[in-house]
């Protein structure tokens, strides 16, 4: 009969080569039930293993140790062990048992949340994501990592994986959560264009019925659209599911009305509407975004002035866009200049603002490199779409469905083409 001691000896002796690891994996699978039965006394044996050398065996024992509920005191000890393992384990070994690795990572996330210390899980889980995934692949750990980044307010760390293109997804729910959490992280960093893209992915994703994630994403999608584009189109893309098309606007009616009020362009009406519905926006945890919507209207109104005037006083800007003072108008103009939203200079002596043309000539080395990288990215995406189209066109289930659709029509249903026309 197998013992923990003999299994540890096998782990130590069969962790050096690919052939040994294959044999070790067979032994570990056979001993999996035994390990779970002995889970309460396994932790001391981990001290005999090195996570950098014996990652696969360490993983099996650690997964058994974390398969039962733990107390806060046990979680404090386990978090240290799990953190060390996730940051030092060997990717090639843990990929031999991805389900076990995912289970360990999720236990780790649950324990740092139990300890109310999400920041302790951010870097270890980032390393886990890097080791588990292949390029362009969304794993089930991505949304867990982004959730910890949100709770710990480590937005920049979360951005590090949001820059990657995703073409493979394990589970649809993981994709919804990844895009939703990613959108919130981009909002936190004021990366509104990327946030809009991610939130739209949630809203337009295939769904047979409305889910809570889509509803919350749609609310933020409306607000970010107003902040970034200065408008919101009530018509969703054609590929949006019928369930979303029918229900989202009704469920999120206060946000649709907010967008309609915004389109009028009057600050007083917008602020009055927000004050009336303040409790609703606050209960949705969207009041901060709503306030940014108000600020964006000031910016839109100032941007409109640049299309009409070459120079304008700060007092006139304050009066036109309904700001309280020239000083407040100056702060808005300075912030917009810093963000690259307008091009202008301010004469402090007479309080005059001079609006300028866009200085970008699109002929610098940096701009040429930016354009070239964008073209290369589009070409790569085009090749992937072509390959995916060819793959789908050869898929048996797709061909069967197309065949059933074609049987609905018959050439007899259509009038024959006339042989000649009488003029």
Protein backbone atom coordinates (compact mmCIF):
# COMPACT_ATOMS: atom_id res chain seq x y z
CA UNK A 1 0.00 0.00 0.00
CA UNK A 2 1.28 3.47 -0.92
CA UNK A 3 2.36 5.84 1.82
CA UNK A 4 2.99 9.59 1.78
CA UNK A 5 6.68 8.93 2.43
CA UNK A 6 7.02 6.62 -0.59
CA UNK A 7 5.15 9.10 -2.79
CA UNK A 8 7.46 11.94 -1.70
CA UNK A 9 10.43 9.71 -2.57
CA UNK A 10 8.96 9.11 -6.05
CA UNK A 11 8.48 12.84 -6.53
CA UNK A 12 12.09 13.50 -5.57
CA UNK A 13 13.38 10.81 -7.91
CA UNK A 14 11.16 11.40 -10.96
CA UNK A 15 11.24 15.17 -11.49
CA UNK A 16 14.33 15.59 -13.67
CA UNK A 17 13.43 14.57 -17.24
CA UNK A 18 10.34 14.55 -19.48
CA UNK A 19 10.17 10.76 -19.39
CA UNK A 20 10.42 10.67 -15.61
CA UNK A 21 7.74 13.34 -15.28
CA UNK A 22 5.38 11.33 -17.50
CA UNK A 23 5.86 8.32 -15.21
CA UNK A 24 5.47 10.49 -12.11
CA UNK A 25 2.20 11.91 -13.46
CA UNK A 26 0.83 8.36 -13.79
CA UNK A 27 1.76 7.61 -10.16
CA UNK A 28 0.24 10.86 -8.94
CA UNK A 29 -3.05 10.24 -10.74
CA UNK A 30 -3.25 6.80 -9.16
CA UNK A 31 -2.51 8.27 -5.71
CA UNK A 32 -4.88 11.23 -6.05
CA UNK A 33 -7.70 9.72 -3.95
CA UNK A 34 -5.19 8.61 -1.32
CA UNK A 35 -3.76 12.15 -1.10
CA UNK A 36 -7.21 13.64 -0.56
CA UNK A 37 -7.93 11.13 2.19
CA UNK A 38 -4.65 12.12 3.89
CA UNK A 39 -5.04 15.86 3.20
CA UNK A 40 -5.02 16.96 6.85
CA UNK A 41 -1.48 15.66 7.46
CA UNK A 42 0.24 16.51 4.17
CA UNK A 43 1.57 20.03 4.82
CA UNK A 44 4.72 18.96 6.74
CA UNK A 45 5.81 16.78 3.79
CA UNK A 46 6.00 19.86 1.53
CA UNK A 47 9.12 20.89 3.45
CA UNK A 48 10.92 17.92 1.86
CA UNK A 49 10.15 19.21 -1.66
CA UNK A 50 11.48 22.16 -3.64
CA UNK A 51 8.76 23.91 -5.70
CA UNK A 52 11.36 24.90 -8.30
CA UNK A 53 12.45 21.27 -8.84
CA UNK A 54 9.44 19.18 -7.86
CA UNK A 55 6.62 21.42 -9.16
CA UNK A 56 4.34 18.63 -10.39
CA UNK A 57 4.45 16.56 -7.19
CA UNK A 58 4.30 19.70 -5.04
CA UNK A 59 1.18 20.72 -6.98
CA UNK A 60 -0.64 17.43 -6.34
CA UNK A 61 0.06 17.54 -2.61
CA UNK A 62 -0.82 21.23 -2.37
CA UNK A 63 -4.10 20.71 -4.23
CA UNK A 64 -5.06 17.97 -1.76
CA UNK A 65 -4.17 20.27 1.16
CA UNK A 66 -6.42 23.05 -0.17
CA UNK A 67 -9.38 20.83 -1.05
CA UNK A 68 -10.96 21.24 2.40
CA UNK A 69 -12.35 24.36 4.14
CA UNK A 70 -9.76 26.26 6.16
CA UNK A 71 -9.90 28.64 9.10
CA UNK A 72 -8.39 32.11 9.10
CA UNK A 73 -5.38 30.84 11.01
CA UNK A 74 -4.80 28.02 8.52
CA UNK A 75 -5.31 30.44 5.63
CA UNK A 76 -2.50 32.68 6.94
CA UNK A 77 -0.08 29.76 6.78
CA UNK A 78 -1.35 28.42 3.46
CA UNK A 79 -1.20 31.81 1.73
CA UNK A 80 2.55 31.99 2.35
CA UNK A 81 3.09 28.46 0.98
CA UNK A 82 0.83 29.05 -2.03
CA UNK A 83 2.40 32.40 -2.81
CA UNK A 84 5.89 30.87 -2.81
CA UNK A 85 4.74 28.00 -5.02
CA UNK A 86 2.96 30.16 -7.62
CA UNK A 87 5.95 32.46 -8.03
CA UNK A 88 8.62 29.74 -8.21
CA UNK A 89 7.00 26.68 -9.86
CA UNK A 90 8.14 25.51 -13.30
CA UNK A 91 5.66 26.18 -16.11
CA UNK A 92 6.47 23.00 -18.06
CA UNK A 93 5.62 20.84 -15.04
CA UNK A 94 2.41 22.52 -13.88
CA UNK A 95 1.04 22.46 -17.44
CA UNK A 96 0.97 18.67 -17.18
CA UNK A 97 -1.89 19.05 -14.66
CA UNK A 98 -3.64 22.34 -15.54
CA UNK A 99 -6.89 21.47 -13.71
CA UNK A 100 -4.97 20.93 -10.46
CA UNK A 101 -3.07 24.18 -10.95
CA UNK A 102 -6.27 26.13 -11.57
CA UNK A 103 -7.84 24.61 -8.45
CA UNK A 104 -4.84 25.66 -6.35
CA UNK A 105 -4.91 29.19 -7.76
CA UNK A 106 -8.62 29.58 -7.04
CA UNK A 107 -8.09 28.34 -3.47
CA UNK A 108 -5.30 30.90 -3.12
CA UNK A 109 -7.61 33.68 -4.32
CA UNK A 110 -10.35 32.62 -1.91
CA UNK A 111 -7.92 32.62 1.00
CA UNK A 112 -6.48 36.09 0.38
CA UNK A 113 -10.06 37.36 0.13
CA UNK A 114 -10.88 35.58 3.41
CA UNK A 115 -7.95 37.41 4.99
CA UNK A 116 -9.17 40.67 3.40
CA UNK A 117 -5.74 41.14 1.84
CA UNK A 118 -6.29 41.00 -1.95
CA UNK A 119 -3.02 42.82 -2.62
CA UNK A 120 -1.11 39.74 -1.35
CA UNK A 121 -2.55 37.72 -4.21
CA UNK A 122 -1.91 40.09 -7.12
CA UNK A 123 1.71 39.30 -8.06
CA UNK A 124 1.56 35.52 -7.33
CA UNK A 125 -1.58 35.19 -9.46
CA UNK A 126 -0.02 37.27 -12.23
CA UNK A 127 2.87 34.80 -12.31
CA UNK A 128 0.37 31.93 -12.35
CA UNK A 129 -1.45 33.42 -15.36
CA UNK A 130 1.83 33.83 -17.25
CA UNK A 131 2.87 30.24 -16.56
CA UNK A 132 -0.46 28.63 -17.42
CA UNK A 133 -1.41 30.43 -20.59
CA UNK A 134 -0.12 30.21 -24.10
CA UNK A 135 -0.09 33.36 -26.23
CA UNK A 136 -3.49 34.85 -27.13
CA UNK A 137 -5.24 32.39 -24.79
CA UNK A 138 -7.73 33.47 -22.12
CA UNK A 139 -7.52 31.14 -19.12
CA UNK A 140 -10.01 30.81 -16.29
CA UNK A 141 -7.43 32.56 -14.06
CA UNK A 142 -7.53 35.85 -16.00
CA UNK A 143 -10.78 37.14 -14.42
CA UNK A 144 -9.66 36.02 -10.94
CA UNK A 145 -6.45 37.99 -11.33
CA UNK A 146 -8.28 41.10 -12.56
CA UNK A 147 -10.74 40.83 -9.66
CA UNK A 148 -7.85 40.92 -7.18
CA UNK A 149 -6.34 43.90 -9.02
CA UNK A 150 -9.64 45.75 -8.70
CA UNK A 151 -10.06 44.98 -5.02
CA UNK A 152 -6.44 45.91 -4.30
CA UNK A 153 -6.64 48.98 -6.58
CA UNK A 154 -3.58 47.73 -8.50
CA UNK A 155 -4.92 49.00 -11.81
CA UNK A 156 -1.57 49.32 -13.58
CA UNK A 157 -0.72 45.70 -12.81
CA UNK A 158 -4.06 44.63 -14.27
CA UNK A 159 -3.35 46.58 -17.46
CA UNK A 160 -0.32 44.38 -18.10
CA UNK A 161 -2.49 41.50 -19.35
CA UNK A 162 -5.19 43.63 -20.95
CA UNK A 163 -2.79 44.71 -23.69
CA UNK A 164 -2.64 41.14 -25.05
CA UNK A 165 -4.89 40.10 -27.93
CA UNK A 166 -7.23 37.25 -27.02
CA UNK A 167 -8.30 34.71 -29.65
CA UNK A 168 -8.92 31.56 -27.57
CA UNK A 169 -11.34 31.28 -24.65
CA UNK A 170 -11.87 28.29 -22.35
CA UNK A 171 -15.31 29.26 -20.98
CA UNK A 172 -17.72 32.03 -22.15
CA UNK A 173 -18.32 33.14 -18.54
CA UNK A 174 -14.58 33.72 -18.13
CA UNK A 175 -14.68 36.01 -21.15
CA UNK A 176 -17.61 38.03 -19.72
CA UNK A 177 -15.83 38.50 -16.39
CA UNK A 178 -12.48 39.24 -18.01
CA UNK A 179 -13.98 42.00 -20.16
CA UNK A 180 -16.09 43.40 -17.31
CA UNK A 181 -13.27 43.51 -14.77
CA UNK A 182 -10.88 44.72 -17.47
CA UNK A 183 -13.26 47.52 -18.40
CA UNK A 184 -13.43 48.65 -14.77
CA UNK A 185 -9.63 48.61 -14.49
CA UNK A 186 -9.33 50.73 -17.65
CA UNK A 187 -11.90 53.15 -16.21
CA UNK A 188 -9.77 53.41 -13.08
CA UNK A 189 -6.79 54.36 -15.27
CA UNK A 190 -8.94 56.65 -17.46
CA UNK A 191 -8.21 54.44 -20.47
CA UNK A 192 -11.72 55.04 -21.74
CA UNK A 193 -11.23 53.83 -25.32
CA UNK A 194 -10.03 50.42 -24.15
CA UNK A 195 -12.74 50.34 -21.47
CA UNK A 196 -15.38 51.00 -24.12
CA UNK A 197 -14.07 48.14 -26.24
CA UNK A 198 -14.09 45.67 -23.35
CA UNK A 199 -17.53 46.67 -22.07
CA UNK A 200 -18.98 46.42 -25.57
CA UNK A 201 -17.65 42.86 -25.75
CA UNK A 202 -19.74 41.99 -22.69
CA UNK A 203 -22.88 43.72 -23.96
CA UNK A 204 -22.72 42.19 -27.45
CA UNK A 205 -21.57 38.69 -26.43
CA UNK A 206 -23.93 35.81 -27.31
CA UNK A 207 -26.50 35.20 -24.55
CA UNK A 208 -29.82 33.38 -24.46
CA UNK A 209 -31.05 35.42 -21.50
CA UNK A 210 -29.98 38.59 -19.74
CA UNK A 211 -27.41 38.16 -16.97
CA UNK A 212 -26.30 40.50 -14.20
CA UNK A 213 -22.83 40.97 -15.71
CA UNK A 214 -24.29 42.26 -18.99
CA UNK A 215 -26.63 44.66 -17.16
CA UNK A 216 -23.83 46.20 -15.07
CA UNK A 217 -21.56 46.36 -18.11
CA UNK A 218 -24.25 48.15 -20.14
CA UNK A 219 -24.68 50.82 -17.45
CA UNK A 220 -20.96 51.55 -17.51
CA UNK A 221 -20.91 51.29 -21.30
CA UNK A 222 -23.44 54.14 -21.54
CA UNK A 223 -21.47 56.33 -19.12
CA UNK A 224 -18.07 55.68 -20.72
CA UNK A 225 -19.56 56.37 -24.17
CA UNK A 226 -20.66 59.81 -22.95
CA UNK A 227 -17.30 60.51 -21.35
CA UNK A 228 -15.19 59.37 -24.30
CA UNK A 229 -17.37 60.07 -27.35
CA UNK A 230 -19.68 62.77 -26.01
CA UNK A 231 -22.69 60.75 -27.16
CA UNK A 232 -24.38 57.37 -26.90
CA UNK A 233 -25.98 55.50 -29.76
CA UNK A 234 -29.10 53.67 -28.57
CA UNK A 235 -28.83 51.21 -31.46
CA UNK A 236 -26.53 48.35 -30.52
CA UNK A 237 -24.50 46.51 -33.19
CA UNK A 238 -26.47 44.04 -35.35
CA UNK A 239 -24.60 41.05 -33.94
CA UNK A 240 -25.89 41.79 -30.40
CA UNK A 241 -28.12 38.99 -29.09
CA UNK A 242 -31.88 39.48 -29.30
CA UNK A 243 -32.11 39.09 -25.51
CA UNK A 244 -29.79 42.08 -25.03
CA UNK A 245 -31.51 44.10 -27.74
CA UNK A 246 -34.92 43.59 -26.12
CA UNK A 247 -34.15 44.03 -22.45
CA UNK A 248 -31.02 46.08 -21.69
CA UNK A 249 -32.46 49.49 -22.56
CA UNK A 250 -35.58 48.84 -20.49
CA UNK A 251 -33.68 47.55 -17.44
CA UNK A 252 -31.19 50.46 -17.63
CA UNK A 253 -33.75 53.17 -18.43
CA UNK A 254 -32.25 55.83 -16.05
CA UNK A 255 -28.95 55.58 -17.95
CA UNK A 256 -30.66 55.90 -21.33
CA UNK A 257 -32.49 59.00 -20.07
CA UNK A 258 -29.18 60.36 -18.76
CA UNK A 259 -27.72 59.99 -22.26
CA UNK A 260 -30.74 61.75 -23.76
CA UNK A 261 -30.38 64.63 -21.30
CA UNK A 262 -26.65 64.82 -22.06
CA UNK A 263 -27.38 65.15 -25.79
CA UNK A 264 -29.32 68.38 -25.14
CA UNK A 265 -26.04 70.00 -24.08
CA UNK A 266 -27.30 72.01 -21.11
CA UNK A 267 -25.38 71.59 -17.87
CA UNK A 268 -28.26 72.73 -15.68
CA UNK A 269 -30.65 70.09 -17.05
CA UNK A 270 -28.02 67.37 -16.76
CA UNK A 271 -27.18 68.24 -13.15
CA UNK A 272 -30.89 68.42 -12.27
CA UNK A 273 -31.51 64.94 -13.71
CA UNK A 274 -28.50 63.51 -11.89
CA UNK A 275 -29.64 65.01 -8.59
CA UNK A 276 -33.10 63.50 -9.05
CA UNK A 277 -31.63 60.03 -9.69
CA UNK A 278 -28.62 60.31 -7.41
CA UNK A 279 -29.66 57.42 -5.15
CA UNK A 280 -30.01 55.09 -8.14
CA UNK A 281 -26.55 55.91 -9.50
CA UNK A 282 -25.05 55.69 -6.02
CA UNK A 283 -26.59 52.27 -5.32
CA UNK A 284 -25.11 51.05 -8.63
CA UNK A 285 -21.66 52.33 -7.54
CA UNK A 286 -21.61 54.51 -10.65
CA UNK A 287 -21.87 57.95 -9.07
CA UNK A 288 -18.16 58.65 -9.63
CA UNK A 289 -18.54 57.88 -13.34
CA UNK A 290 -21.68 60.03 -13.52
CA UNK A 291 -19.71 62.97 -12.12
CA UNK A 292 -17.13 62.42 -14.84
CA UNK A 293 -19.97 62.58 -17.37
CA UNK A 294 -20.79 66.08 -16.08
CA UNK A 295 -17.12 67.08 -16.36
CA UNK A 296 -17.00 65.73 -19.91
CA UNK A 297 -19.90 67.97 -20.92
CA UNK A 298 -17.88 71.01 -19.88
CA UNK A 299 -15.04 69.72 -22.06
CA UNK A 300 -17.35 69.10 -25.03
CA UNK A 301 -18.74 72.60 -24.79
CA UNK A 302 -15.23 74.07 -24.62
CA UNK A 303 -14.20 71.96 -27.64
CA UNK A 304 -17.14 73.40 -29.59
CA UNK A 305 -15.79 76.88 -28.91
CA UNK A 306 -12.51 75.99 -30.65
CA UNK A 307 -14.49 75.40 -33.84
CA UNK A 308 -15.90 78.93 -33.75
CA UNK A 309 -13.33 81.21 -32.12
CA UNK A 310 -9.59 81.84 -32.49
CA UNK A 311 -9.33 83.74 -29.20
CA UNK A 312 -11.67 84.00 -26.26
CA UNK A 313 -11.39 85.31 -22.72
CA UNK A 314 -11.57 82.99 -19.74
CA UNK A 315 -14.59 84.99 -18.52
CA UNK A 316 -16.42 84.39 -21.82
CA UNK A 317 -15.58 80.66 -21.66
CA UNK A 318 -16.91 80.49 -18.09
CA UNK A 319 -20.14 82.26 -19.09
CA UNK A 320 -20.68 80.17 -22.24
CA UNK A 321 -20.18 76.73 -20.69
CA UNK A 322 -21.80 77.71 -17.36
CA UNK A 323 -18.72 77.53 -15.13
CA UNK A 324 -18.69 79.44 -11.87
CA UNK A 325 -15.58 81.58 -12.48
CA UNK A 326 -12.75 82.36 -14.95
CA UNK A 327 -10.39 80.45 -12.62
CA UNK A 328 -12.46 77.29 -12.99
CA UNK A 329 -12.51 77.80 -16.77
CA UNK A 330 -8.72 78.12 -16.73
CA UNK A 331 -8.36 74.84 -14.83
CA UNK A 332 -10.55 73.03 -17.36
CA UNK A 333 -8.63 74.48 -20.32
CA UNK A 334 -5.25 73.61 -18.77
CA UNK A 335 -6.36 70.03 -18.10
CA UNK A 336 -7.65 69.67 -21.66
CA UNK A 337 -4.36 71.00 -23.06
CA UNK A 338 -2.42 68.54 -20.88
CA UNK A 339 -4.62 65.63 -22.05
CA UNK A 340 -4.20 66.63 -25.70
CA UNK A 341 -7.94 67.27 -26.12
CA UNK A 342 -7.42 70.83 -27.41
CA UNK A 343 -4.44 72.91 -28.54
CA UNK A 344 -4.31 76.35 -27.00
CA UNK A 345 -2.23 78.89 -25.10
CA UNK A 346 -3.34 81.06 -22.18
CA UNK A 347 -2.14 84.63 -21.73
CA UNK A 348 -2.08 85.05 -17.95
CA UNK A 349 -1.77 88.84 -18.19
CA UNK A 350 -5.08 89.56 -19.96
CA UNK A 351 -6.85 86.25 -19.35
CA UNK A 352 -7.17 85.42 -23.04
CA UNK A 353 -7.13 81.93 -24.55
CA UNK A 354 -5.78 81.43 -28.06
CA UNK A 355 -6.90 78.25 -29.81
CA UNK A 356 -4.36 76.57 -32.10
CA UNK A 357 -4.32 73.95 -34.86
CA UNK A 358 -3.17 70.38 -34.24
CA UNK A 359 0.66 70.58 -34.40
CA UNK A 360 1.06 66.93 -35.46
CA UNK A 361 2.45 66.73 -39.01
CA UNK A 362 2.45 62.91 -39.15
CA UNK A 363 6.03 62.76 -40.41
CA UNK A 364 8.09 62.06 -37.31
CA UNK A 365 9.88 58.74 -36.81
CA UNK A 366 7.69 57.96 -33.80
CA UNK A 367 4.49 58.52 -35.75
CA UNK A 368 5.72 56.42 -38.68
CA UNK A 369 6.59 53.58 -36.29
CA UNK A 370 3.16 53.87 -34.67
CA UNK A 371 1.39 53.71 -38.03
CA UNK A 372 3.56 50.78 -39.15
CA UNK A 373 2.84 48.80 -35.96
CA UNK A 374 -0.89 49.42 -36.43
CA UNK A 375 -0.72 48.17 -40.02
CA UNK A 376 1.21 45.06 -38.95
CA UNK A 377 -1.36 44.34 -36.23
CA UNK A 378 -4.24 44.68 -38.70
CA UNK A 379 -2.49 42.36 -41.18
CA UNK A 380 -1.98 39.75 -38.45
CA UNK A 381 -5.62 40.01 -37.42
CA UNK A 382 -6.71 39.66 -41.07
CA UNK A 383 -4.70 36.43 -41.42
CA UNK A 384 -6.26 35.03 -38.24
CA UNK A 385 -9.76 35.87 -39.45
CA UNK A 386 -9.08 34.20 -42.80
CA UNK A 387 -7.77 31.08 -41.07
CA UNK A 388 -10.78 31.02 -38.73
CA UNK A 389 -13.18 31.43 -41.67
CA UNK A 390 -11.56 28.48 -43.45
CA UNK A 391 -11.73 26.39 -40.28
CA UNK A 392 -15.43 27.15 -39.74
CA UNK A 393 -16.28 26.49 -43.40
CA UNK A 394 -14.90 22.94 -42.97
CA UNK A 395 -16.58 22.26 -39.62
CA UNK A 396 -19.07 19.34 -39.93
CA UNK A 397 -21.63 20.87 -37.53
CA UNK A 398 -21.55 24.18 -39.44
CA UNK A 399 -21.96 22.42 -42.80
CA UNK A 400 -24.85 20.36 -41.42
CA UNK A 401 -26.60 23.50 -40.20
CA UNK A 402 -26.08 25.28 -43.52
CA UNK A 403 -27.46 22.21 -45.30
CA UNK A 404 -30.61 22.30 -43.17
CA UNK A 405 -31.06 26.00 -43.84
CA UNK A 406 -30.77 25.49 -47.62
CA UNK A 407 -33.47 22.81 -47.57
CA UNK A 408 -35.99 25.44 -46.56
CA UNK A 409 -35.72 26.96 -50.02
CA UNK A 410 -36.46 25.42 -53.35
CA UNK A 411 -35.90 26.78 -56.80
CA UNK A 412 -39.62 26.27 -57.49
CA UNK A 413 -40.33 28.96 -54.91
CA UNK A 414 -38.85 31.61 -57.19
CA UNK A 415 -40.10 32.94 -60.52
CA UNK A 416 -38.04 31.80 -63.49
CA UNK A 417 -35.83 34.38 -65.17
CA UNK A 418 -37.57 35.65 -68.33
CA UNK A 419 -35.85 34.78 -71.60
CA UNK A 420 -36.46 38.25 -73.03
CA UNK A 421 -37.86 41.56 -71.94
CA UNK A 422 -40.53 43.58 -73.69
CA UNK A 423 -39.74 47.25 -73.79
